[in-house]
């Protein structure tokens, strides 16, 4: 660094560390100047929507099961949401969808939501075999990037 640049850098550093004098009616005191960095937009989004961090969704339990017609599935569907470093993503909303006619959630609908716990796990409400026999597909998703599917066969 040439001498002119060094002097400019030193002047800038001195200016940044300069004291600001504030006066009251009877005394004066100084305090150092400190810059406060603006928050990063990405951090704000991640804090507002934990699901934004989810990169992958893993099927943990419930895939490949067979359910007799008119009965409740013996195993509830369970997923785990993880980020790009495979750390759990707590607080993410997982959307489960059973678009076929064979399976329904407790409210009689084809869709249900669950929130991941501190370890990134979410458990779907119990499914019931309400339709014609055959294989059915249930999907679980957190946003558009993290998705997984379960096959459940109605007997």
C-alpha atoms as a PDB file:
ATOM      1  CA  UNK A   1       0.000   0.000   0.000  1.00  0.00           C
ATOM      2  CA  UNK A   2       1.495   3.366  -0.948  1.00  0.00           C
ATOM      3  CA  UNK A   3       1.917   6.140   1.671  1.00  0.00           C
ATOM      4  CA  UNK A   4      -1.078   8.133   0.374  1.00  0.00           C
ATOM      5  CA  UNK A   5      -3.396   5.121   0.747  1.00  0.00           C
ATOM      6  CA  UNK A   6      -1.996   4.414   4.224  1.00  0.00           C
ATOM      7  CA  UNK A   7      -2.710   7.983   5.333  1.00  0.00           C
ATOM      8  CA  UNK A   8      -6.224   7.817   3.908  1.00  0.00           C
ATOM      9  CA  UNK A   9      -6.863   4.506   5.691  1.00  0.00           C
ATOM     10  CA  UNK A  10      -5.492   5.917   8.965  1.00  0.00           C
ATOM     11  CA  UNK A  11      -7.662   9.028   8.628  1.00  0.00           C
ATOM     12  CA  UNK A  12     -10.735   6.889   7.973  1.00  0.00           C
ATOM     13  CA  UNK A  13      -9.968   4.725  11.011  1.00  0.00           C
ATOM     14  CA  UNK A  14      -9.452   7.795  13.195  1.00  0.00           C
ATOM     15  CA  UNK A  15     -12.725   9.277  11.996  1.00  0.00           C
ATOM     16  CA  UNK A  16     -14.592   6.053  12.719  1.00  0.00           C
ATOM     17  CA  UNK A  17     -13.205   5.934  16.253  1.00  0.00           C
ATOM     18  CA  UNK A  18     -13.755   9.653  16.924  1.00  0.00           C
ATOM     19  CA  UNK A  19     -15.656  10.679  19.981  1.00  0.00           C
ATOM     20  CA  UNK A  20     -18.982  12.382  19.747  1.00  0.00           C
ATOM     21  CA  UNK A  21     -19.395  15.093  22.296  1.00  0.00           C
ATOM     22  CA  UNK A  22     -22.752  15.582  23.842  1.00  0.00           C
ATOM     23  CA  UNK A  23     -23.412  18.418  26.166  1.00  0.00           C
ATOM     24  CA  UNK A  24     -25.866  18.843  28.946  1.00  0.00           C
ATOM     25  CA  UNK A  25     -26.390  21.975  30.937  1.00  0.00           C
ATOM     26  CA  UNK A  26     -23.649  21.171  33.460  1.00  0.00           C
ATOM     27  CA  UNK A  27     -21.315  18.568  31.923  1.00  0.00           C
ATOM     28  CA  UNK A  28     -19.875  17.186  28.712  1.00  0.00           C
ATOM     29  CA  UNK A  29     -18.895  13.596  28.039  1.00  0.00           C
ATOM     30  CA  UNK A  30     -17.858  11.523  25.061  1.00  0.00           C
ATOM     31  CA  UNK A  31     -18.756   8.133  23.655  1.00  0.00           C
ATOM     32  CA  UNK A  32     -17.198   6.202  20.761  1.00  0.00           C
ATOM     33  CA  UNK A  33     -19.005   6.094  17.440  1.00  0.00           C
ATOM     34  CA  UNK A  34     -20.155   2.582  16.526  1.00  0.00           C
ATOM     35  CA  UNK A  35     -21.731   1.515  13.292  1.00  0.00           C
ATOM     36  CA  UNK A  36     -24.746  -0.779  13.566  1.00  0.00           C
ATOM     37  CA  UNK A  37     -24.916  -3.224  10.663  1.00  0.00           C
ATOM     38  CA  UNK A  38     -28.261  -3.698   8.941  1.00  0.00           C
ATOM     39  CA  UNK A  39     -29.782  -7.178   9.337  1.00  0.00           C
ATOM     40  CA  UNK A  40     -29.347  -9.500   6.392  1.00  0.00           C
ATOM     41  CA  UNK A  41     -32.572 -10.075   4.458  1.00  0.00           C
ATOM     42  CA  UNK A  42     -31.957 -13.860   4.296  1.00  0.00           C
ATOM     43  CA  UNK A  43     -31.777 -14.076   8.096  1.00  0.00           C
ATOM     44  CA  UNK A  44     -35.098 -12.276   8.372  1.00  0.00           C
ATOM     45  CA  UNK A  45     -36.761 -14.693   5.942  1.00  0.00           C
ATOM     46  CA  UNK A  46     -35.358 -17.746   7.725  1.00  0.00           C
ATOM     47  CA  UNK A  47     -36.555 -16.472  11.102  1.00  0.00           C
ATOM     48  CA  UNK A  48     -40.034 -15.721   9.748  1.00  0.00           C
ATOM     49  CA  UNK A  49     -40.396 -19.048   7.900  1.00  0.00           C
ATOM     50  CA  UNK A  50     -38.400 -21.987   9.297  1.00  0.00           C
ATOM     51  CA  UNK A  51     -39.505 -24.057   6.302  1.00  0.00           C
ATOM     52  CA  UNK A  52     -37.397 -21.845   4.061  1.00  0.00           C
ATOM     53  CA  UNK A  53     -34.315 -23.644   5.463  1.00  0.00           C
ATOM     54  CA  UNK A  54     -35.617 -27.136   4.643  1.00  0.00           C
ATOM     55  CA  UNK A  55     -33.671 -28.656   1.751  1.00  0.00           C
ATOM     56  CA  UNK A  56     -34.760 -32.284   2.130  1.00  0.00           C
ATOM     57  CA  UNK A  57     -37.642 -34.220   3.573  1.00  0.00           C
ATOM     58  CA  UNK A  58     -37.040 -37.850   4.537  1.00  0.00           C
ATOM     59  CA  UNK A  59     -39.732 -40.523   4.927  1.00  0.00           C
ATOM     60  CA  UNK A  60     -39.133 -42.014   8.372  1.00  0.00           C
ATOM     61  CA  UNK A  61     -42.197 -44.221   9.035  1.00  0.00           C
ATOM     62  CA  UNK A  62     -45.362 -45.352   7.282  1.00  0.00           C
ATOM     63  CA  UNK A  63     -44.197 -46.082   3.731  1.00  0.00           C
ATOM     64  CA  UNK A  64     -45.274 -49.369   2.137  1.00  0.00           C
ATOM     65  CA  UNK A  65     -47.981 -50.253   4.634  1.00  0.00           C
ATOM     66  CA  UNK A  66     -51.219 -52.106   3.837  1.00  0.00           C
ATOM     67  CA  UNK A  67     -54.510 -50.965   5.328  1.00  0.00           C
ATOM     68  CA  UNK A  68     -57.728 -53.005   5.306  1.00  0.00           C
ATOM     69  CA  UNK A  69     -60.681 -51.102   3.805  1.00  0.00           C
ATOM     70  CA  UNK A  70     -62.595 -49.167   6.447  1.00  0.00           C
ATOM     71  CA  UNK A  71     -59.688 -49.307   8.918  1.00  0.00           C
ATOM     72  CA  UNK A  72     -57.166 -46.794  10.213  1.00  0.00           C
ATOM     73  CA  UNK A  73     -53.557 -47.136   9.025  1.00  0.00           C
ATOM     74  CA  UNK A  74     -51.515 -48.914  11.724  1.00  0.00           C
ATOM     75  CA  UNK A  75     -48.545 -46.534  11.355  1.00  0.00           C
ATOM     76  CA  UNK A  76     -48.838 -42.761  11.053  1.00  0.00           C
ATOM     77  CA  UNK A  77     -46.697 -41.135   8.365  1.00  0.00           C
ATOM     78  CA  UNK A  78     -43.567 -39.539   9.805  1.00  0.00           C
ATOM     79  CA  UNK A  79     -41.037 -37.296   8.056  1.00  0.00           C
ATOM     80  CA  UNK A  80     -37.880 -35.429   8.981  1.00  0.00           C
ATOM     81  CA  UNK A  81     -36.994 -32.008   7.556  1.00  0.00           C
ATOM     82  CA  UNK A  82     -33.289 -31.182   7.239  1.00  0.00           C
ATOM     83  CA  UNK A  83     -31.270 -28.277   5.849  1.00  0.00           C
ATOM     84  CA  UNK A  84     -28.432 -28.425   3.313  1.00  0.00           C
ATOM     85  CA  UNK A  85     -26.006 -29.590   6.022  1.00  0.00           C
ATOM     86  CA  UNK A  86     -28.456 -32.295   7.154  1.00  0.00           C
ATOM     87  CA  UNK A  87     -29.261 -30.506  10.404  1.00  0.00           C
ATOM     88  CA  UNK A  88     -32.887 -30.734  11.597  1.00  0.00           C
ATOM     89  CA  UNK A  89     -35.257 -27.894  10.743  1.00  0.00           C
ATOM     90  CA  UNK A  90     -37.621 -27.251  13.684  1.00  0.00           C
ATOM     91  CA  UNK A  91     -40.863 -25.295  13.319  1.00  0.00           C
ATOM     92  CA  UNK A  92     -41.405 -26.021   9.613  1.00  0.00           C
ATOM     93  CA  UNK A  93     -44.950 -26.731   8.405  1.00  0.00           C
ATOM     94  CA  UNK A  94     -45.200 -30.024   6.505  1.00  0.00           C
ATOM     95  CA  UNK A  95     -48.156 -30.373   4.142  1.00  0.00           C
ATOM     96  CA  UNK A  96     -49.417 -33.954   3.692  1.00  0.00           C
ATOM     97  CA  UNK A  97     -51.664 -34.676   0.705  1.00  0.00           C
ATOM     98  CA  UNK A  98     -53.543 -37.864  -0.230  1.00  0.00           C
ATOM     99  CA  UNK A  99     -55.121 -36.875  -3.569  1.00  0.00           C
ATOM    100  CA  UNK A 100     -56.414 -40.361  -4.452  1.00  0.00           C
ATOM    101  CA  UNK A 101     -59.798 -41.640  -3.363  1.00  0.00           C
ATOM    102  CA  UNK A 102     -58.496 -44.425  -1.103  1.00  0.00           C
ATOM    103  CA  UNK A 103     -57.128 -42.551   1.915  1.00  0.00           C
ATOM    104  CA  UNK A 104     -58.528 -39.791   4.111  1.00  0.00           C
ATOM    105  CA  UNK A 105     -57.315 -37.847   7.133  1.00  0.00           C
ATOM    106  CA  UNK A 106     -59.461 -37.695  10.330  1.00  0.00           C
ATOM    107  CA  UNK A 107     -61.425 -34.659   9.140  1.00  0.00           C
ATOM    108  CA  UNK A 108     -62.422 -36.580   5.983  1.00  0.00           C
ATOM    109  CA  UNK A 109     -60.173 -34.445   3.824  1.00  0.00           C
ATOM    110  CA  UNK A 110     -57.285 -35.255   1.549  1.00  0.00           C
ATOM    111  CA  UNK A 111     -54.877 -32.702   3.096  1.00  0.00           C
ATOM    112  CA  UNK A 112     -53.390 -32.105   6.534  1.00  0.00           C
ATOM    113  CA  UNK A 113     -50.528 -30.104   8.046  1.00  0.00           C
ATOM    114  CA  UNK A 114     -48.085 -30.869  10.844  1.00  0.00           C
ATOM    115  CA  UNK A 115     -45.220 -28.830  12.332  1.00  0.00           C
ATOM    116  CA  UNK A 116     -41.726 -30.257  12.819  1.00  0.00           C
ATOM    117  CA  UNK A 117     -40.473 -30.660  16.376  1.00  0.00           C
ATOM    118  CA  UNK A 118     -37.063 -29.615  17.746  1.00  0.00           C
ATOM    119  CA  UNK A 119     -35.442 -32.595  15.974  1.00  0.00           C
ATOM    120  CA  UNK A 120     -37.103 -31.835  12.614  1.00  0.00           C
ATOM    121  CA  UNK A 121     -39.722 -34.628  12.833  1.00  0.00           C
ATOM    122  CA  UNK A 122     -43.381 -34.216  11.887  1.00  0.00           C
ATOM    123  CA  UNK A 123     -46.141 -36.778  12.323  1.00  0.00           C
ATOM    124  CA  UNK A 124     -49.186 -36.730  10.016  1.00  0.00           C
ATOM    125  CA  UNK A 125     -52.664 -37.237  11.448  1.00  0.00           C
ATOM    126  CA  UNK A 126     -53.860 -40.856  11.192  1.00  0.00           C
ATOM    127  CA  UNK A 127     -55.000 -42.014   7.756  1.00  0.00           C
ATOM    128  CA  UNK A 128     -58.060 -44.164   7.158  1.00  0.00           C
ATOM    129  CA  UNK A 129     -58.705 -46.455   4.194  1.00  0.00           C
ATOM    130  CA  UNK A 130     -61.931 -44.967   2.871  1.00  0.00           C
ATOM    131  CA  UNK A 131     -61.916 -45.905  -0.792  1.00  0.00           C
ATOM    132  CA  UNK A 132     -61.416 -48.625  -3.341  1.00  0.00           C
ATOM    133  CA  UNK A 133     -58.677 -51.228  -2.853  1.00  0.00           C
ATOM    134  CA  UNK A 134     -55.307 -50.575  -4.470  1.00  0.00           C
ATOM    135  CA  UNK A 135     -52.130 -48.558  -4.033  1.00  0.00           C
ATOM    136  CA  UNK A 136     -52.409 -44.902  -3.104  1.00  0.00           C
ATOM    137  CA  UNK A 137     -49.788 -42.173  -2.943  1.00  0.00           C
ATOM    138  CA  UNK A 138     -49.444 -39.651  -0.121  1.00  0.00           C
ATOM    139  CA  UNK A 139     -47.030 -36.761  -0.528  1.00  0.00           C
ATOM    140  CA  UNK A 140     -45.391 -34.631   2.131  1.00  0.00           C
ATOM    141  CA  UNK A 141     -43.821 -31.271   1.321  1.00  0.00           C
ATOM    142  CA  UNK A 142     -42.202 -28.255   2.930  1.00  0.00           C
ATOM    143  CA  UNK A 143     -42.327 -25.557   0.272  1.00  0.00           C
ATOM    144  CA  UNK A 144     -41.352 -26.594  -3.234  1.00  0.00           C
ATOM    145  CA  UNK A 145     -37.854 -27.993  -2.629  1.00  0.00           C
ATOM    146  CA  UNK A 146     -38.350 -30.554   0.136  1.00  0.00           C
ATOM    147  CA  UNK A 147     -40.764 -33.323  -0.872  1.00  0.00           C
ATOM    148  CA  UNK A 148     -41.222 -37.062  -0.316  1.00  0.00           C
ATOM    149  CA  UNK A 149     -43.894 -39.638  -1.182  1.00  0.00           C
ATOM    150  CA  UNK A 150     -45.364 -42.625   0.665  1.00  0.00           C
ATOM    151  CA  UNK A 151     -47.135 -45.589  -0.918  1.00  0.00           C
ATOM    152  CA  UNK A 152     -50.011 -46.959   1.146  1.00  0.00           C
ATOM    153  CA  UNK A 153     -52.125 -49.832  -0.197  1.00  0.00           C
ATOM    154  CA  UNK A 154     -55.800 -50.179   0.640  1.00  0.00           C
ATOM    155  CA  UNK A 155     -56.760 -53.895   0.807  1.00  0.00           C
END
